[in-house]
């Protein structure tokens, strides 16, 4: 697994050039919120909408350099990640979080040593019903994010390469 403190060896643009027939490029224009602007690691997923219960539970697990991809359905009504969840992700060794939805506490997020990309921010916290699914394929931006594949992100965007033994 990827060392969470390790920066990706190549830029996303270079990966696209080197693996143009294999790379999947996410066509969502994410904003950077975390203190780490470039990050990569094996994918874990959560699918939820306006309920971050499973995001919190997953980030509380050992991250081992993984990237959590959260499919929030593109909702900007409630934040799925804030400072406390992101700080837990740092503590537990997660390399990054990609949220197809909103985050909050952005001044604090930018001070944390974790990559965070999201559609935008909103100050409203999510509901807590325990709704959602963990480690299932999720899709947005023209990419199917499969647990175990490798996500690479930097200010140019997000790309995925299939897991290779």
C-alpha atoms as a PDB file:
ATOM      1  CA  UNK A   1       0.000   0.000   0.000  1.00  0.00           C
ATOM      2  CA  UNK A   2       0.967   3.589  -0.487  1.00  0.00           C
ATOM      3  CA  UNK A   3       2.644   5.372   2.426  1.00  0.00           C
ATOM      4  CA  UNK A   4       0.180   8.100   3.433  1.00  0.00           C
ATOM      5  CA  UNK A   5       3.017  10.586   3.954  1.00  0.00           C
ATOM      6  CA  UNK A   6       4.388   9.908   0.474  1.00  0.00           C
ATOM      7  CA  UNK A   7       3.580  12.269  -2.381  1.00  0.00           C
ATOM      8  CA  UNK A   8       2.671  10.757  -5.764  1.00  0.00           C
ATOM      9  CA  UNK A   9       5.730  10.197  -7.941  1.00  0.00           C
ATOM     10  CA  UNK A  10       4.110  11.567 -11.113  1.00  0.00           C
ATOM     11  CA  UNK A  11       1.658  14.333 -11.827  1.00  0.00           C
ATOM     12  CA  UNK A  12      -1.843  13.486 -12.995  1.00  0.00           C
ATOM     13  CA  UNK A  13      -0.992  15.019 -16.385  1.00  0.00           C
ATOM     14  CA  UNK A  14       2.084  12.769 -16.706  1.00  0.00           C
ATOM     15  CA  UNK A  15       0.014   9.715 -15.758  1.00  0.00           C
ATOM     16  CA  UNK A  16      -2.465  10.628 -18.504  1.00  0.00           C
ATOM     17  CA  UNK A  17       0.377  10.895 -21.011  1.00  0.00           C
ATOM     18  CA  UNK A  18       2.063   7.663 -19.886  1.00  0.00           C
ATOM     19  CA  UNK A  19      -1.145   5.593 -19.605  1.00  0.00           C
ATOM     20  CA  UNK A  20      -3.500   7.247 -22.090  1.00  0.00           C
ATOM     21  CA  UNK A  21      -5.155   3.946 -23.048  1.00  0.00           C
ATOM     22  CA  UNK A  22      -5.639   2.804 -19.435  1.00  0.00           C
ATOM     23  CA  UNK A  23      -6.338   5.879 -17.331  1.00  0.00           C
ATOM     24  CA  UNK A  24      -9.869   6.998 -16.466  1.00  0.00           C
ATOM     25  CA  UNK A  25     -10.194  10.769 -16.066  1.00  0.00           C
ATOM     26  CA  UNK A  26     -12.900  12.128 -13.782  1.00  0.00           C
ATOM     27  CA  UNK A  27     -14.598  15.012 -15.593  1.00  0.00           C
ATOM     28  CA  UNK A  28     -15.787  16.735 -12.417  1.00  0.00           C
ATOM     29  CA  UNK A  29     -14.211  20.106 -11.642  1.00  0.00           C
ATOM     30  CA  UNK A  30     -13.379  19.564  -7.960  1.00  0.00           C
ATOM     31  CA  UNK A  31     -11.992  22.198  -5.617  1.00  0.00           C
ATOM     32  CA  UNK A  32      -9.023  21.458  -3.357  1.00  0.00           C
ATOM     33  CA  UNK A  33      -9.658  21.821   0.368  1.00  0.00           C
ATOM     34  CA  UNK A  34      -7.036  19.735   2.194  1.00  0.00           C
ATOM     35  CA  UNK A  35      -3.493  20.660   3.091  1.00  0.00           C
ATOM     36  CA  UNK A  36      -2.130  18.024   0.716  1.00  0.00           C
ATOM     37  CA  UNK A  37      -2.737  19.063  -2.902  1.00  0.00           C
ATOM     38  CA  UNK A  38      -1.358  15.884  -4.508  1.00  0.00           C
ATOM     39  CA  UNK A  39      -2.245  12.439  -3.202  1.00  0.00           C
ATOM     40  CA  UNK A  40      -2.827   8.889  -4.363  1.00  0.00           C
ATOM     41  CA  UNK A  41      -3.788   5.517  -3.010  1.00  0.00           C
ATOM     42  CA  UNK A  42      -6.073   2.514  -3.322  1.00  0.00           C
ATOM     43  CA  UNK A  43      -9.763   3.395  -3.424  1.00  0.00           C
ATOM     44  CA  UNK A  44     -12.333   2.729  -0.716  1.00  0.00           C
ATOM     45  CA  UNK A  45     -15.868   3.982  -1.308  1.00  0.00           C
ATOM     46  CA  UNK A  46     -18.985   5.212   0.461  1.00  0.00           C
ATOM     47  CA  UNK A  47     -22.265   5.950  -1.307  1.00  0.00           C
ATOM     48  CA  UNK A  48     -24.527   8.198   0.760  1.00  0.00           C
ATOM     49  CA  UNK A  49     -26.669  11.282   0.328  1.00  0.00           C
ATOM     50  CA  UNK A  50     -26.740  13.994   2.979  1.00  0.00           C
ATOM     51  CA  UNK A  51     -25.858  11.409   5.675  1.00  0.00           C
ATOM     52  CA  UNK A  52     -22.209  11.085   6.683  1.00  0.00           C
ATOM     53  CA  UNK A  53     -22.599   8.265   9.237  1.00  0.00           C
ATOM     54  CA  UNK A  54     -20.730   5.756   7.072  1.00  0.00           C
ATOM     55  CA  UNK A  55     -18.121   8.353   6.062  1.00  0.00           C
ATOM     56  CA  UNK A  56     -17.354   8.895   9.745  1.00  0.00           C
ATOM     57  CA  UNK A  57     -17.218   5.154  10.467  1.00  0.00           C
ATOM     58  CA  UNK A  58     -14.953   4.453   7.490  1.00  0.00           C
ATOM     59  CA  UNK A  59     -12.500   7.281   8.274  1.00  0.00           C
ATOM     60  CA  UNK A  60     -12.293   5.903  11.839  1.00  0.00           C
ATOM     61  CA  UNK A  61     -10.786   2.695  10.416  1.00  0.00           C
ATOM     62  CA  UNK A  62      -7.083   2.352   9.565  1.00  0.00           C
ATOM     63  CA  UNK A  63      -6.670   4.054   6.187  1.00  0.00           C
ATOM     64  CA  UNK A  64      -3.337   2.464   5.264  1.00  0.00           C
ATOM     65  CA  UNK A  65      -2.754   5.137   2.597  1.00  0.00           C
ATOM     66  CA  UNK A  66      -6.131   4.670   0.903  1.00  0.00           C
ATOM     67  CA  UNK A  67      -8.304   7.360  -0.649  1.00  0.00           C
ATOM     68  CA  UNK A  68     -11.954   7.477   0.387  1.00  0.00           C
ATOM     69  CA  UNK A  69     -14.252   8.279  -2.537  1.00  0.00           C
ATOM     70  CA  UNK A  70     -17.603   9.550  -1.265  1.00  0.00           C
ATOM     71  CA  UNK A  71     -20.515   9.589  -3.714  1.00  0.00           C
ATOM     72  CA  UNK A  72     -22.860  12.110  -2.152  1.00  0.00           C
ATOM     73  CA  UNK A  73     -24.961  12.337  -5.303  1.00  0.00           C
ATOM     74  CA  UNK A  74     -23.586  15.802  -6.019  1.00  0.00           C
ATOM     75  CA  UNK A  75     -25.648  17.344  -3.233  1.00  0.00           C
ATOM     76  CA  UNK A  76     -24.458  20.696  -1.898  1.00  0.00           C
ATOM     77  CA  UNK A  77     -27.245  20.895   0.704  1.00  0.00           C
ATOM     78  CA  UNK A  78     -25.274  19.319   3.579  1.00  0.00           C
ATOM     79  CA  UNK A  79     -21.572  18.740   4.226  1.00  0.00           C
ATOM     80  CA  UNK A  80     -20.373  15.142   4.270  1.00  0.00           C
ATOM     81  CA  UNK A  81     -16.880  15.937   5.630  1.00  0.00           C
ATOM     82  CA  UNK A  82     -15.802  18.539   8.157  1.00  0.00           C
ATOM     83  CA  UNK A  83     -12.786  19.233  10.316  1.00  0.00           C
ATOM     84  CA  UNK A  84     -13.375  16.461  12.864  1.00  0.00           C
ATOM     85  CA  UNK A  85     -13.882  13.691  10.298  1.00  0.00           C
ATOM     86  CA  UNK A  86     -10.920  14.885   8.239  1.00  0.00           C
ATOM     87  CA  UNK A  87      -8.692  15.061  11.338  1.00  0.00           C
ATOM     88  CA  UNK A  88      -9.712  11.478  12.095  1.00  0.00           C
ATOM     89  CA  UNK A  89      -8.693  10.539   8.568  1.00  0.00           C
ATOM     90  CA  UNK A  90      -5.250  12.089   9.140  1.00  0.00           C
ATOM     91  CA  UNK A  91      -4.871  10.273  12.477  1.00  0.00           C
ATOM     92  CA  UNK A  92      -5.846   6.956  10.898  1.00  0.00           C
ATOM     93  CA  UNK A  93      -3.501   7.171   7.892  1.00  0.00           C
ATOM     94  CA  UNK A  94      -5.818   8.076   5.013  1.00  0.00           C
ATOM     95  CA  UNK A  95      -4.092   9.699   2.016  1.00  0.00           C
ATOM     96  CA  UNK A  96      -7.140  11.592   0.817  1.00  0.00           C
ATOM     97  CA  UNK A  97     -10.877  12.060   0.482  1.00  0.00           C
ATOM     98  CA  UNK A  98     -12.764  12.852  -2.733  1.00  0.00           C
ATOM     99  CA  UNK A  99     -16.324  14.031  -2.103  1.00  0.00           C
ATOM    100  CA  UNK A 100     -18.912  14.228  -4.858  1.00  0.00           C
ATOM    101  CA  UNK A 101     -20.773  16.632  -2.614  1.00  0.00           C
ATOM    102  CA  UNK A 102     -19.935  19.287  -0.043  1.00  0.00           C
ATOM    103  CA  UNK A 103     -17.503  19.789   2.840  1.00  0.00           C
ATOM    104  CA  UNK A 104     -17.371  22.356   5.650  1.00  0.00           C
ATOM    105  CA  UNK A 105     -14.858  23.887   8.093  1.00  0.00           C
ATOM    106  CA  UNK A 106     -12.698  24.758   5.096  1.00  0.00           C
ATOM    107  CA  UNK A 107     -10.199  27.040   6.921  1.00  0.00           C
ATOM    108  CA  UNK A 108      -9.290  24.092   9.154  1.00  0.00           C
ATOM    109  CA  UNK A 109      -9.332  21.511   6.336  1.00  0.00           C
ATOM    110  CA  UNK A 110      -6.562  23.378   4.522  1.00  0.00           C
ATOM    111  CA  UNK A 111      -4.284  22.996   7.573  1.00  0.00           C
ATOM    112  CA  UNK A 112      -4.609  19.184   7.692  1.00  0.00           C
ATOM    113  CA  UNK A 113      -2.100  16.817   6.077  1.00  0.00           C
ATOM    114  CA  UNK A 114      -4.630  15.033   3.906  1.00  0.00           C
ATOM    115  CA  UNK A 115      -5.862  15.539   0.362  1.00  0.00           C
ATOM    116  CA  UNK A 116      -9.477  16.671   0.145  1.00  0.00           C
ATOM    117  CA  UNK A 117     -11.377  17.399  -3.047  1.00  0.00           C
ATOM    118  CA  UNK A 118     -15.059  18.300  -3.146  1.00  0.00           C
ATOM    119  CA  UNK A 119     -17.613  20.103  -5.293  1.00  0.00           C
ATOM    120  CA  UNK A 120     -17.991  22.948  -2.821  1.00  0.00           C
ATOM    121  CA  UNK A 121     -18.638  23.892   0.772  1.00  0.00           C
ATOM    122  CA  UNK A 122     -21.702  24.527   2.904  1.00  0.00           C
ATOM    123  CA  UNK A 123     -21.863  25.153   6.672  1.00  0.00           C
ATOM    124  CA  UNK A 124     -24.766  22.736   7.294  1.00  0.00           C
ATOM    125  CA  UNK A 125     -23.893  19.378   8.890  1.00  0.00           C
ATOM    126  CA  UNK A 126     -25.328  16.185   7.513  1.00  0.00           C
ATOM    127  CA  UNK A 127     -28.034  14.056   9.042  1.00  0.00           C
ATOM    128  CA  UNK A 128     -27.097  10.872  10.919  1.00  0.00           C
ATOM    129  CA  UNK A 129     -29.367   7.972   9.936  1.00  0.00           C
ATOM    130  CA  UNK A 130     -26.765   5.358   9.032  1.00  0.00           C
ATOM    131  CA  UNK A 131     -27.896   5.358   5.392  1.00  0.00           C
ATOM    132  CA  UNK A 132     -25.542   4.332   2.609  1.00  0.00           C
ATOM    133  CA  UNK A 133     -23.263   1.597   1.333  1.00  0.00           C
ATOM    134  CA  UNK A 134     -19.527   0.998   1.868  1.00  0.00           C
ATOM    135  CA  UNK A 135     -16.991  -0.489  -0.572  1.00  0.00           C
ATOM    136  CA  UNK A 136     -19.274  -0.780  -3.572  1.00  0.00           C
ATOM    137  CA  UNK A 137     -18.588   0.630  -7.043  1.00  0.00           C
ATOM    138  CA  UNK A 138     -19.637   4.280  -7.323  1.00  0.00           C
ATOM    139  CA  UNK A 139     -19.789   6.352 -10.491  1.00  0.00           C
ATOM    140  CA  UNK A 140     -19.620  10.055 -11.332  1.00  0.00           C
ATOM    141  CA  UNK A 141     -17.738  12.264 -13.764  1.00  0.00           C
ATOM    142  CA  UNK A 142     -17.507   9.466 -16.328  1.00  0.00           C
ATOM    143  CA  UNK A 143     -15.550   7.157 -13.997  1.00  0.00           C
ATOM    144  CA  UNK A 144     -16.572   4.022 -12.131  1.00  0.00           C
ATOM    145  CA  UNK A 145     -14.578   4.048  -8.889  1.00  0.00           C
ATOM    146  CA  UNK A 146     -13.870   0.449  -7.896  1.00  0.00           C
ATOM    147  CA  UNK A 147     -12.529  -0.415  -4.448  1.00  0.00           C
ATOM    148  CA  UNK A 148      -8.896  -1.438  -4.846  1.00  0.00           C
ATOM    149  CA  UNK A 149      -8.195   0.558  -8.009  1.00  0.00           C
ATOM    150  CA  UNK A 150      -5.715   3.403  -7.533  1.00  0.00           C
ATOM    151  CA  UNK A 151      -6.783   7.049  -7.503  1.00  0.00           C
ATOM    152  CA  UNK A 152      -4.310   9.837  -8.256  1.00  0.00           C
ATOM    153  CA  UNK A 153      -5.167  13.482  -7.629  1.00  0.00           C
ATOM    154  CA  UNK A 154      -3.466  16.848  -7.872  1.00  0.00           C
ATOM    155  CA  UNK A 155      -4.598  20.375  -8.774  1.00  0.00           C
ATOM    156  CA  UNK A 156      -5.125  19.261 -12.398  1.00  0.00           C
ATOM    157  CA  UNK A 157      -7.765  16.693 -11.466  1.00  0.00           C
ATOM    158  CA  UNK A 158      -8.541  13.114 -10.520  1.00  0.00           C
ATOM    159  CA  UNK A 159      -7.629   9.970 -12.464  1.00  0.00           C
ATOM    160  CA  UNK A 160      -7.988   6.266 -11.784  1.00  0.00           C
ATOM    161  CA  UNK A 161      -5.838   3.365 -12.869  1.00  0.00           C
ATOM    162  CA  UNK A 162      -7.017  -0.226 -12.474  1.00  0.00           C
ATOM    163  CA  UNK A 163      -5.376  -2.249  -9.738  1.00  0.00           C
ATOM    164  CA  UNK A 164      -2.440  -4.291 -10.951  1.00  0.00           C
ATOM    165  CA  UNK A 165      -0.967  -7.290  -9.098  1.00  0.00           C
END
